[in-house]
């Protein structure tokens, strides 16, 4: 169960039309497949913080750059690029790629990369809910071990206060 900025349970607040800030629990709540999300398999839950900056926002497509950090027993920071396009009113295709640098590695900082491809469903009968599912390549350090594929499923509840 992955989500923006490596946060699995949290909140996001829009501070401008194309800028949001968020915080929450950065931890693997569950994972299906051969890998597990996150830089370190044995990491404890951490505080995740992010800023999402929309570089393309219109009725059909969105492209967002998201710098993020996770603070706790380990410290990491990175940046993601996400894109999704609505194919029809009810569903969209999504692609995302990103990096993280784990500054807590005993041999010095290590770069990690990940990627996803999936589908976002927004049922017309419940417009405040989004369901995402697809395939991800869990974070891996290039040159140290190969990526592993997994399945992801996210549920997002949206409250619009304006």
Protein backbone atom coordinates (compact mmCIF):
# COMPACT_ATOMS: atom_id res chain seq x y z
CA UNK A 1 0.00 0.00 0.00
CA UNK A 2 2.13 2.83 -1.32
CA UNK A 3 1.25 6.45 -1.69
CA UNK A 4 2.68 9.84 -2.40
CA UNK A 5 5.95 10.74 -0.74
CA UNK A 6 6.31 7.21 0.68
CA UNK A 7 3.41 7.88 3.05
CA UNK A 8 1.02 5.02 3.69
CA UNK A 9 -1.42 6.79 6.02
CA UNK A 10 -1.54 10.56 6.20
CA UNK A 11 -3.05 13.76 4.95
CA UNK A 12 -2.46 16.35 2.26
CA UNK A 13 -3.48 20.03 2.31
CA UNK A 14 -3.54 22.33 -0.73
CA UNK A 15 -1.84 25.67 -0.07
CA UNK A 16 -2.22 26.87 -3.68
CA UNK A 17 -3.93 25.61 -6.81
CA UNK A 18 -0.83 23.63 -7.82
CA UNK A 19 0.98 23.12 -4.47
CA UNK A 20 0.11 20.74 -1.62
CA UNK A 21 1.93 19.77 1.56
CA UNK A 22 1.47 16.53 3.41
CA UNK A 23 2.61 14.39 6.29
CA UNK A 24 1.93 10.95 7.69
CA UNK A 25 3.19 7.48 8.47
CA UNK A 26 5.99 6.29 6.18
CA UNK A 27 5.91 2.53 6.57
CA UNK A 28 4.90 -0.63 4.72
CA UNK A 29 1.41 -1.46 5.97
CA UNK A 30 1.21 -4.41 3.62
CA UNK A 31 2.76 -5.62 0.41
CA UNK A 32 1.97 -8.33 -2.14
CA UNK A 33 4.68 -9.76 -4.36
CA UNK A 34 8.36 -10.57 -4.07
CA UNK A 35 9.49 -7.20 -2.74
CA UNK A 36 8.53 -4.85 0.03
CA UNK A 37 8.17 -1.12 -0.32
CA UNK A 38 10.75 1.06 1.36
CA UNK A 39 14.47 1.43 1.41
CA UNK A 40 15.09 -0.94 4.30
CA UNK A 41 12.95 -3.97 5.05
CA UNK A 42 13.51 -3.69 8.81
CA UNK A 43 12.89 0.04 9.21
CA UNK A 44 10.54 1.19 11.92
CA UNK A 45 7.65 3.55 11.11
CA UNK A 46 8.88 7.06 10.26
CA UNK A 47 7.41 10.52 9.82
CA UNK A 48 7.02 11.24 6.12
CA UNK A 49 6.81 14.81 4.78
CA UNK A 50 6.30 15.98 1.20
CA UNK A 51 5.49 18.90 -1.08
CA UNK A 52 3.59 18.14 -4.29
CA UNK A 53 4.07 20.70 -7.07
CA UNK A 54 1.80 20.35 -10.09
CA UNK A 55 3.60 21.28 -13.29
CA UNK A 56 0.68 20.25 -15.54
CA UNK A 57 -2.85 20.38 -14.15
CA UNK A 58 -5.90 20.25 -16.38
CA UNK A 59 -9.10 18.26 -16.74
CA UNK A 60 -7.39 15.34 -18.53
CA UNK A 61 -3.74 15.17 -17.45
CA UNK A 62 -1.66 15.86 -14.38
CA UNK A 63 2.11 15.86 -13.92
CA UNK A 64 3.47 16.38 -10.41
CA UNK A 65 6.96 16.70 -8.92
CA UNK A 66 7.15 15.62 -5.26
CA UNK A 67 10.19 16.20 -3.08
CA UNK A 68 9.90 14.14 0.12
CA UNK A 69 11.71 13.08 3.27
CA UNK A 70 11.27 10.39 5.91
CA UNK A 71 12.50 11.00 9.46
CA UNK A 72 12.85 8.44 12.27
CA UNK A 73 15.30 5.67 13.05
CA UNK A 74 16.56 6.26 9.50
CA UNK A 75 16.66 9.44 7.43
CA UNK A 76 16.03 9.56 3.70
CA UNK A 77 15.05 12.16 1.13
CA UNK A 78 14.16 12.07 -2.52
CA UNK A 79 12.01 13.31 -5.34
CA UNK A 80 9.32 11.63 -7.46
CA UNK A 81 7.70 12.45 -10.80
CA UNK A 82 4.14 11.28 -11.33
CA UNK A 83 1.81 11.48 -14.33
CA UNK A 84 -1.75 10.42 -14.88
CA UNK A 85 -4.24 10.92 -17.69
CA UNK A 86 -7.99 10.34 -17.54
CA UNK A 87 -8.97 7.96 -20.32
CA UNK A 88 -12.70 8.30 -19.52
CA UNK A 89 -14.52 10.04 -16.65
CA UNK A 90 -14.20 7.03 -14.37
CA UNK A 91 -10.59 5.85 -14.83
CA UNK A 92 -7.08 7.06 -15.58
CA UNK A 93 -3.68 5.55 -16.34
CA UNK A 94 -0.79 6.37 -13.99
CA UNK A 95 2.99 6.28 -14.25
CA UNK A 96 5.44 7.28 -11.56
CA UNK A 97 9.17 7.12 -11.05
CA UNK A 98 11.33 8.41 -8.27
CA UNK A 99 14.47 8.34 -6.21
CA UNK A 100 15.39 8.30 -2.55
CA UNK A 101 18.75 8.65 -0.87
CA UNK A 102 19.14 6.77 2.39
CA UNK A 103 21.52 8.83 4.51
CA UNK A 104 21.53 6.18 7.28
CA UNK A 105 23.53 3.57 5.36
CA UNK A 106 26.62 2.49 7.32
CA UNK A 107 28.77 2.75 4.15
CA UNK A 108 27.52 6.23 3.27
CA UNK A 109 24.46 7.57 1.43
CA UNK A 110 22.90 5.17 -1.08
CA UNK A 111 20.61 6.01 -4.01
CA UNK A 112 17.40 4.01 -4.53
CA UNK A 113 15.07 4.07 -7.58
CA UNK A 114 11.48 2.89 -8.03
CA UNK A 115 8.71 2.92 -10.66
CA UNK A 116 5.01 2.14 -10.99
CA UNK A 117 2.38 1.74 -13.67
CA UNK A 118 -1.27 1.46 -12.83
CA UNK A 119 -4.88 2.50 -13.09
CA UNK A 120 -6.88 4.99 -10.98
CA UNK A 121 -10.62 4.37 -10.61
CA UNK A 122 -13.00 7.15 -9.48
CA UNK A 123 -16.52 5.66 -9.29
CA UNK A 124 -19.17 8.28 -10.21
CA UNK A 125 -21.40 7.07 -7.36
CA UNK A 126 -18.69 7.95 -4.77
CA UNK A 127 -16.80 10.93 -6.25
CA UNK A 128 -14.71 11.46 -3.08
CA UNK A 129 -13.02 8.01 -3.37
CA UNK A 130 -10.12 7.00 -5.58
CA UNK A 131 -8.81 3.45 -5.96
CA UNK A 132 -5.37 2.87 -7.47
CA UNK A 133 -3.90 -0.48 -8.42
CA UNK A 134 -1.09 -1.74 -10.59
CA UNK A 135 2.47 -3.05 -10.68
CA UNK A 136 5.46 -1.46 -9.01
CA UNK A 137 9.17 -2.01 -9.06
CA UNK A 138 10.03 -1.70 -5.38
CA UNK A 139 12.89 0.59 -4.44
CA UNK A 140 16.25 -0.87 -5.31
CA UNK A 141 19.83 0.38 -5.18
CA UNK A 142 21.25 0.20 -8.73
CA UNK A 143 24.35 -1.98 -8.89
CA UNK A 144 23.62 -3.65 -5.54
CA UNK A 145 20.59 -5.83 -6.23
CA UNK A 146 17.97 -6.12 -9.00
CA UNK A 147 14.50 -4.57 -8.72
CA UNK A 148 11.57 -6.70 -7.59
CA UNK A 149 8.03 -6.46 -8.87
CA UNK A 150 5.03 -6.16 -6.60
CA UNK A 151 1.35 -5.32 -6.75
CA UNK A 152 -0.03 -2.16 -5.18
CA UNK A 153 -3.52 -1.12 -4.12
CA UNK A 154 -4.32 2.32 -2.68
CA UNK A 155 -7.61 3.80 -1.49
CA UNK A 156 -7.83 7.58 -1.15
CA UNK A 157 -10.64 9.43 0.61
CA UNK A 158 -10.91 13.10 -0.45
CA UNK A 159 -12.47 15.94 1.49
CA UNK A 160 -12.80 19.24 -0.36
CA UNK A 161 -13.24 22.06 2.14
CA UNK A 162 -13.59 25.03 -0.23
